[in-house]
Amino acid sequence: MVSAVFHAPLEGAAAPHPASAAPVSTHKSAANTSTPSSGEAQKTMKTTHRTPVDWRELALNVVPPVLGLGLLVGLWALVSISTGASIPGPVETWGQAVEIFSDPFYRNGPNDQGVGWNVLMSLERVAVGFGLAALVGIPAGFAIGRFTFLGRMFNPLISLLRPVSPLAWLPIGLLVFKGANPAAIWTIFICSIWPMIINTAVGVQRVPQDYMNVARVLNLSEWKILTKILLPAVLPYMLTGVRLAVGTAWLVIVAAEMLTGGVGIGFWVWDEWNNLNVKNIIIAIFVIGIVGLILEFALIKLATAFTYDEVKS
């Protein structure tokens, strides 16, 4: 626009005066025409920003899980038919599940309670045992990863004790604590502590040496190194250890409750076996799997929120 205005007098002798109305009307007409065109452009942008549904992506996210569940139900039905209905089929089990979950929190005595109370009691034991393991395991992992002497001292002990079966720790807990409930919590504690120690220590050892050199140059205290350098860098590793530990704790509590008795989802499975109620055992298997899946999903979301190098779509 500027080049056209200043170049016009050079092309003809009868060029308009700079103060004449022609340039002003040109600017006005341009402004007048630009106003509706900008509104139309905004409407066009709003229209074009409507992203269509990606049916292919939706099908890839929905169809495979549905096919997997359908395959599981189909195999379950075939096994039920081939065993002469000694294992209940999906239809009979679904009817029993509807009846059980119509009142999951009933109480008819200490040994006859709804599945909801059993799940809550198991989750309470898992929370206590896992919380104690986190209070001990995460600081121990930082110390083992930070100081080479401690790492060399405790690595053989961790390698020796970590592969021990969870049920092997249960008699020790019964002997020491003289009770089924603290023994189950002890078993959860001792089995879920190892993933947190190992993952936290590995995270500390993988902190770039340049960070530690800068801390040494700045003469930072050990507390500043821990809170400003190590903790942000180790947090993804630590949360991975927490996720693995929760999965281990949920596996352990079912086995421990089968042996110790009382109220809990593991005891409920064993009690229904003693009553030869196979439908309730199958329902308990699905309940255990669903609760474990929810715990896993929640912790994966938590770990994703603190994983800075992950690109979120």
Protein backbone atom coordinates (compact mmCIF):
# COMPACT_ATOMS: atom_id res chain seq x y z
CA MET A 1 0.00 0.00 0.00
CA VAL A 2 2.78 2.43 0.89
CA SER A 3 4.74 1.81 -2.30
CA ALA A 4 1.63 2.38 -4.46
CA VAL A 5 0.85 5.75 -2.87
CA PHE A 6 4.33 7.15 -3.26
CA HIS A 7 4.93 5.69 -6.70
CA ALA A 8 1.78 7.08 -8.36
CA PRO A 9 3.03 10.68 -9.07
CA LEU A 10 5.98 9.33 -10.99
CA GLU A 11 3.73 7.54 -13.52
CA GLY A 12 1.40 10.45 -14.62
CA ALA A 13 1.50 14.27 -14.74
CA ALA A 14 -2.07 14.66 -13.48
CA ALA A 15 -1.36 13.04 -10.13
CA PRO A 16 -3.81 13.94 -7.37
CA HIS A 17 -2.79 16.28 -4.59
CA PRO A 18 -1.62 14.38 -1.47
CA ALA A 19 -4.32 16.16 0.53
CA SER A 20 -7.10 15.18 -1.90
CA ALA A 21 -9.87 12.75 -0.93
CA ALA A 22 -8.81 9.95 -3.24
CA PRO A 23 -6.22 8.36 -0.93
CA VAL A 24 -8.53 8.87 2.04
CA SER A 25 -11.41 7.17 0.29
CA THR A 26 -9.09 4.35 -0.70
CA HIS A 27 -8.10 3.83 2.91
CA LYS A 28 -11.71 4.02 4.02
CA SER A 29 -12.83 1.55 1.44
CA ALA A 30 -10.04 -0.77 2.42
CA ALA A 31 -10.99 -0.46 6.07
CA ASN A 32 -14.64 -0.93 5.26
CA THR A 33 -13.97 -4.00 3.19
CA SER A 34 -11.54 -5.44 5.76
CA THR A 35 -14.08 -5.41 8.58
CA PRO A 36 -16.59 -7.85 7.09
CA SER A 37 -13.82 -9.97 5.64
CA SER A 38 -12.23 -10.38 9.10
CA GLY A 39 -15.58 -11.43 10.52
CA GLU A 40 -16.01 -13.90 7.72
CA ALA A 41 -12.48 -15.15 8.35
CA GLN A 42 -13.27 -15.71 12.02
CA LYS A 43 -16.38 -17.66 11.08
CA THR A 44 -14.33 -19.66 8.59
CA MET A 45 -11.67 -20.37 11.25
CA LYS A 46 -14.34 -21.52 13.71
CA THR A 47 -15.77 -23.79 11.06
CA THR A 48 -12.41 -25.25 10.06
CA HIS A 49 -11.35 -25.86 13.69
CA ARG A 50 -14.02 -28.53 14.14
CA THR A 51 -11.93 -31.67 14.05
CA PRO A 52 -13.74 -34.65 12.61
CA VAL A 53 -13.97 -37.87 14.58
CA ASP A 54 -11.08 -40.19 13.79
CA TRP A 55 -13.08 -43.39 13.42
CA ARG A 56 -9.97 -45.43 12.64
CA GLU A 57 -8.26 -44.36 15.89
CA LEU A 58 -11.49 -44.97 17.82
CA ALA A 59 -11.80 -48.44 16.34
CA LEU A 60 -8.17 -49.25 17.20
CA ASN A 61 -8.79 -48.21 20.82
CA VAL A 62 -12.12 -49.99 21.27
CA VAL A 63 -12.20 -53.07 19.07
CA PRO A 64 -9.07 -54.92 20.36
CA PRO A 65 -10.09 -54.77 24.06
CA VAL A 66 -13.63 -55.87 23.19
CA LEU A 67 -12.27 -58.77 21.14
CA GLY A 68 -9.95 -59.74 24.01
CA LEU A 69 -12.81 -59.78 26.52
CA GLY A 70 -14.96 -61.70 24.04
CA LEU A 71 -12.18 -64.28 23.64
CA LEU A 72 -11.94 -64.67 27.42
CA VAL A 73 -15.69 -65.17 27.79
CA GLY A 74 -15.74 -67.62 24.87
CA LEU A 75 -12.91 -69.72 26.33
CA TRP A 76 -14.61 -69.61 29.72
CA ALA A 77 -17.86 -70.90 28.20
CA LEU A 78 -16.01 -73.70 26.37
CA VAL A 79 -14.24 -74.78 29.57
CA SER A 80 -17.55 -74.75 31.43
CA ILE A 81 -19.18 -76.96 28.80
CA SER A 82 -16.21 -79.33 28.55
CA THR A 83 -16.08 -79.86 32.34
CA GLY A 84 -19.75 -80.74 32.57
CA ALA A 85 -20.67 -77.43 34.24
CA SER A 86 -18.46 -78.14 37.27
CA ILE A 87 -17.06 -74.70 36.50
CA PRO A 88 -19.99 -72.26 36.18
CA GLY A 89 -20.37 -70.51 32.87
CA PRO A 90 -20.53 -66.76 32.23
CA VAL A 91 -24.34 -66.54 32.36
CA GLU A 92 -24.71 -68.28 35.73
CA THR A 93 -21.80 -66.32 37.21
CA TRP A 94 -23.26 -63.03 35.99
CA GLY A 95 -26.56 -63.79 37.71
CA GLN A 96 -24.71 -64.57 40.95
CA ALA A 97 -22.68 -61.37 40.63
CA VAL A 98 -25.83 -59.27 40.25
CA GLU A 99 -27.19 -60.82 43.43
CA ILE A 100 -23.93 -60.27 45.37
CA PHE A 101 -23.47 -56.66 44.31
CA SER A 102 -27.08 -55.77 44.99
CA ASP A 103 -26.03 -55.54 48.68
CA PRO A 104 -22.21 -55.60 48.93
CA PHE A 105 -22.07 -54.12 52.46
CA TYR A 106 -24.31 -56.39 54.50
CA ARG A 107 -23.25 -57.81 57.89
CA ASN A 108 -24.55 -61.08 59.31
CA GLY A 109 -21.78 -61.67 61.81
CA PRO A 110 -17.99 -61.50 61.88
CA ASN A 111 -17.54 -64.27 59.32
CA ASP A 112 -20.47 -63.38 57.04
CA GLN A 113 -19.99 -59.98 55.49
CA GLY A 114 -20.50 -58.53 52.03
CA VAL A 115 -17.81 -58.43 49.39
CA GLY A 116 -17.51 -54.68 49.80
CA TRP A 117 -16.36 -55.00 53.44
CA ASN A 118 -13.87 -57.68 52.44
CA VAL A 119 -12.35 -55.50 49.71
CA LEU A 120 -12.15 -52.49 52.03
CA MET A 121 -10.43 -54.52 54.74
CA SER A 122 -7.87 -55.83 52.26
CA LEU A 123 -7.24 -52.32 50.95
CA GLU A 124 -6.75 -51.10 54.51
CA ARG A 125 -4.09 -53.73 55.16
CA VAL A 126 -2.42 -52.90 51.85
CA ALA A 127 -2.43 -49.18 52.68
CA VAL A 128 -0.81 -49.72 56.10
CA GLY A 129 1.82 -52.20 54.93
CA PHE A 130 2.59 -50.24 51.78
CA GLY A 131 2.77 -46.95 53.67
CA LEU A 132 5.30 -48.36 56.13
CA ALA A 133 7.31 -49.79 53.24
CA ALA A 134 7.35 -46.39 51.53
CA LEU A 135 8.47 -44.63 54.73
CA VAL A 136 11.43 -47.01 55.00
CA GLY A 137 12.16 -47.96 51.40
CA ILE A 138 12.29 -44.56 49.69
CA PRO A 139 14.80 -42.96 52.13
CA ALA A 140 16.81 -46.19 52.10
CA GLY A 141 16.90 -46.08 48.30
CA PHE A 142 18.16 -42.49 48.34
CA ALA A 143 20.88 -43.39 50.85
CA ILE A 144 21.97 -46.53 48.98
CA GLY A 145 22.10 -44.73 45.66
CA ARG A 146 23.82 -41.64 47.06
CA PHE A 147 26.60 -43.26 49.06
CA THR A 148 28.73 -45.94 47.42
CA PHE A 149 29.69 -47.56 50.72
CA LEU A 150 26.05 -48.11 51.70
CA GLY A 151 25.29 -49.46 48.23
CA ARG A 152 28.06 -52.03 48.44
CA MET A 153 26.97 -53.00 51.94
CA PHE A 154 23.25 -53.48 51.25
CA ASN A 155 23.26 -54.79 47.67
CA PRO A 156 24.08 -58.38 48.72
CA LEU A 157 21.34 -58.30 51.36
CA ILE A 158 18.76 -57.03 48.88
CA SER A 159 19.79 -59.63 46.31
CA LEU A 160 19.46 -62.34 48.94
CA LEU A 161 16.10 -61.36 50.45
CA ARG A 162 14.21 -59.99 47.46
CA PRO A 163 13.50 -63.35 45.72
CA VAL A 164 12.03 -64.92 48.89
CA SER A 165 8.39 -65.94 48.44
CA PRO A 166 5.86 -63.74 50.27
CA LEU A 167 4.34 -66.69 52.09
CA ALA A 168 7.73 -67.59 53.55
CA TRP A 169 7.61 -64.32 55.53
CA LEU A 170 4.15 -64.96 56.96
CA PRO A 171 5.19 -67.49 59.67
CA ILE A 172 7.87 -65.06 60.86
CA GLY A 173 5.20 -62.40 61.23
CA LEU A 174 2.89 -64.76 63.12
CA LEU A 175 5.74 -65.72 65.43
CA VAL A 176 6.84 -62.15 66.14
CA PHE A 177 3.54 -60.25 66.22
CA LYS A 178 1.28 -63.01 67.65
CA GLY A 179 -1.64 -61.99 65.45
CA ALA A 180 -2.99 -62.60 61.97
CA ASN A 181 -3.64 -58.96 61.06
CA PRO A 182 -0.16 -57.59 61.92
CA ALA A 183 1.40 -60.66 60.33
CA ALA A 184 -0.39 -59.90 57.05
CA ILE A 185 0.72 -56.26 57.23
CA TRP A 186 4.29 -57.39 57.92
CA THR A 187 4.19 -59.65 54.87
CA ILE A 188 3.01 -56.75 52.69
CA PHE A 189 5.71 -54.52 54.12
CA ILE A 190 8.62 -56.88 53.56
CA CYS A 191 7.54 -57.81 50.02
CA SER A 192 6.69 -54.32 48.74
CA ILE A 193 9.77 -52.56 50.09
CA TRP A 194 12.22 -53.99 47.56
CA PRO A 195 10.85 -52.36 44.37
CA MET A 196 10.92 -48.95 46.03
CA ILE A 197 14.48 -49.36 47.33
CA ILE A 198 15.84 -50.66 44.03
CA ASN A 199 14.12 -48.15 41.72
CA THR A 200 14.92 -45.18 43.94
CA ALA A 201 18.58 -46.21 44.22
CA VAL A 202 18.86 -46.70 40.45
CA GLY A 203 17.32 -43.27 39.89
CA VAL A 204 19.84 -41.64 42.23
CA GLN A 205 22.74 -43.40 40.51
CA ARG A 206 21.56 -42.19 37.10
CA VAL A 207 21.56 -38.50 38.03
CA PRO A 208 24.12 -36.85 35.68
CA GLN A 209 27.46 -36.28 37.32
CA ASP A 210 27.46 -32.70 36.02
CA TYR A 211 24.62 -31.89 38.43
CA MET A 212 26.62 -33.16 41.36
CA ASN A 213 29.71 -31.25 40.21
CA VAL A 214 27.71 -28.03 40.13
CA ALA A 215 26.40 -28.77 43.63
CA ARG A 216 29.97 -29.30 44.83
CA VAL A 217 31.11 -26.04 43.26
CA LEU A 218 28.23 -24.14 44.85
CA ASN A 219 28.99 -25.85 48.18
CA LEU A 220 25.37 -26.97 48.61
CA SER A 221 24.37 -28.81 51.75
CA GLU A 222 23.26 -32.43 51.60
CA TRP A 223 19.67 -31.32 52.22
CA LYS A 224 19.83 -28.87 49.28
CA ILE A 225 21.28 -31.60 47.06
CA LEU A 226 18.47 -33.94 48.07
CA THR A 227 15.59 -31.50 47.61
CA LYS A 228 16.83 -29.41 44.66
CA ILE A 229 18.75 -31.94 42.55
CA LEU A 230 18.07 -35.56 43.48
CA LEU A 231 14.34 -35.49 44.21
CA PRO A 232 13.19 -33.89 40.93
CA ALA A 233 15.47 -36.17 38.89
CA VAL A 234 14.62 -39.37 40.79
CA LEU A 235 10.85 -38.80 41.04
CA PRO A 236 9.90 -40.80 37.88
CA TYR A 237 12.02 -43.77 39.04
CA MET A 238 10.57 -43.52 42.53
CA LEU A 239 6.99 -43.52 41.24
CA THR A 240 7.74 -46.55 39.08
CA GLY A 241 8.93 -48.35 42.21
CA VAL A 242 5.77 -47.27 44.03
CA ARG A 243 3.60 -48.65 41.21
CA LEU A 244 5.40 -51.99 41.25
CA ALA A 245 5.22 -52.13 45.04
CA VAL A 246 1.46 -51.55 45.08
CA GLY A 247 0.96 -54.36 42.58
CA THR A 248 3.09 -56.66 44.72
CA ALA A 249 1.21 -55.66 47.88
CA TRP A 250 -2.16 -56.43 46.30
CA LEU A 251 -0.92 -59.84 45.18
CA VAL A 252 0.51 -60.63 48.59
CA ILE A 253 -2.55 -59.69 50.63
CA VAL A 254 -4.77 -62.21 48.85
CA ALA A 255 -2.37 -65.06 49.60
CA ALA A 256 -1.76 -63.90 53.17
CA GLU A 257 -5.48 -63.61 53.97
CA MET A 258 -6.11 -67.11 52.70
CA LEU A 259 -3.83 -68.42 55.44
CA THR A 260 -4.57 -65.99 58.27
CA GLY A 261 -8.37 -65.79 57.99
CA GLY A 262 -10.53 -62.96 59.23
CA VAL A 263 -12.17 -60.41 56.94
CA GLY A 264 -10.62 -59.77 53.53
CA ILE A 265 -10.97 -60.68 49.89
CA GLY A 266 -8.42 -63.49 50.21
CA PHE A 267 -10.25 -64.99 53.17
CA TRP A 268 -13.53 -64.63 51.23
CA VAL A 269 -12.07 -66.70 48.38
CA TRP A 270 -10.93 -69.42 50.77
CA ASP A 271 -14.22 -69.42 52.67
CA GLU A 272 -16.22 -69.81 49.45
CA TRP A 273 -13.96 -72.71 48.49
CA ASN A 274 -14.74 -74.41 51.78
CA ASN A 275 -18.44 -73.94 50.94
CA LEU A 276 -17.81 -75.24 47.38
CA ASN A 277 -19.31 -72.05 45.96
CA VAL A 278 -17.33 -71.81 42.73
CA LYS A 279 -19.41 -68.94 41.36
CA ASN A 280 -18.32 -66.67 44.19
CA ILE A 281 -14.69 -67.72 43.69
CA ILE A 282 -14.84 -66.66 40.04
CA ILE A 283 -16.51 -63.39 41.05
CA ALA A 284 -13.75 -62.80 43.61
CA ILE A 285 -11.12 -63.37 40.91
CA PHE A 286 -12.69 -60.64 38.78
CA VAL A 287 -13.02 -58.32 41.79
CA ILE A 288 -9.33 -58.80 42.63
CA GLY A 289 -8.36 -58.13 39.02
CA ILE A 290 -10.54 -55.02 38.71
CA VAL A 291 -9.28 -53.50 41.97
CA GLY A 292 -5.68 -54.20 40.94
CA LEU A 293 -6.36 -52.64 37.54
CA ILE A 294 -7.76 -49.49 39.16
CA LEU A 295 -4.74 -49.18 41.45
CA GLU A 296 -2.39 -49.70 38.51
CA PHE A 297 -4.20 -47.15 36.34
CA ALA A 298 -4.22 -44.52 39.09
CA LEU A 299 -0.51 -44.89 39.74
CA ILE A 300 0.34 -44.86 36.03
CA LYS A 301 -1.51 -41.55 35.73
CA LEU A 302 0.38 -40.23 38.74
CA ALA A 303 3.72 -41.35 37.29
CA THR A 304 2.84 -39.83 33.89
CA ALA A 305 2.13 -36.47 35.52
CA PHE A 306 5.68 -36.36 36.91
CA THR A 307 7.48 -37.82 33.87
CA TYR A 308 8.78 -34.69 32.20
CA ASP A 309 10.31 -36.29 29.13
CA GLU A 310 7.04 -37.84 28.00
CA VAL A 311 5.31 -36.11 25.14
CA LYS A 312 1.60 -35.90 25.79
CA SER A 313 -0.67 -35.93 22.79
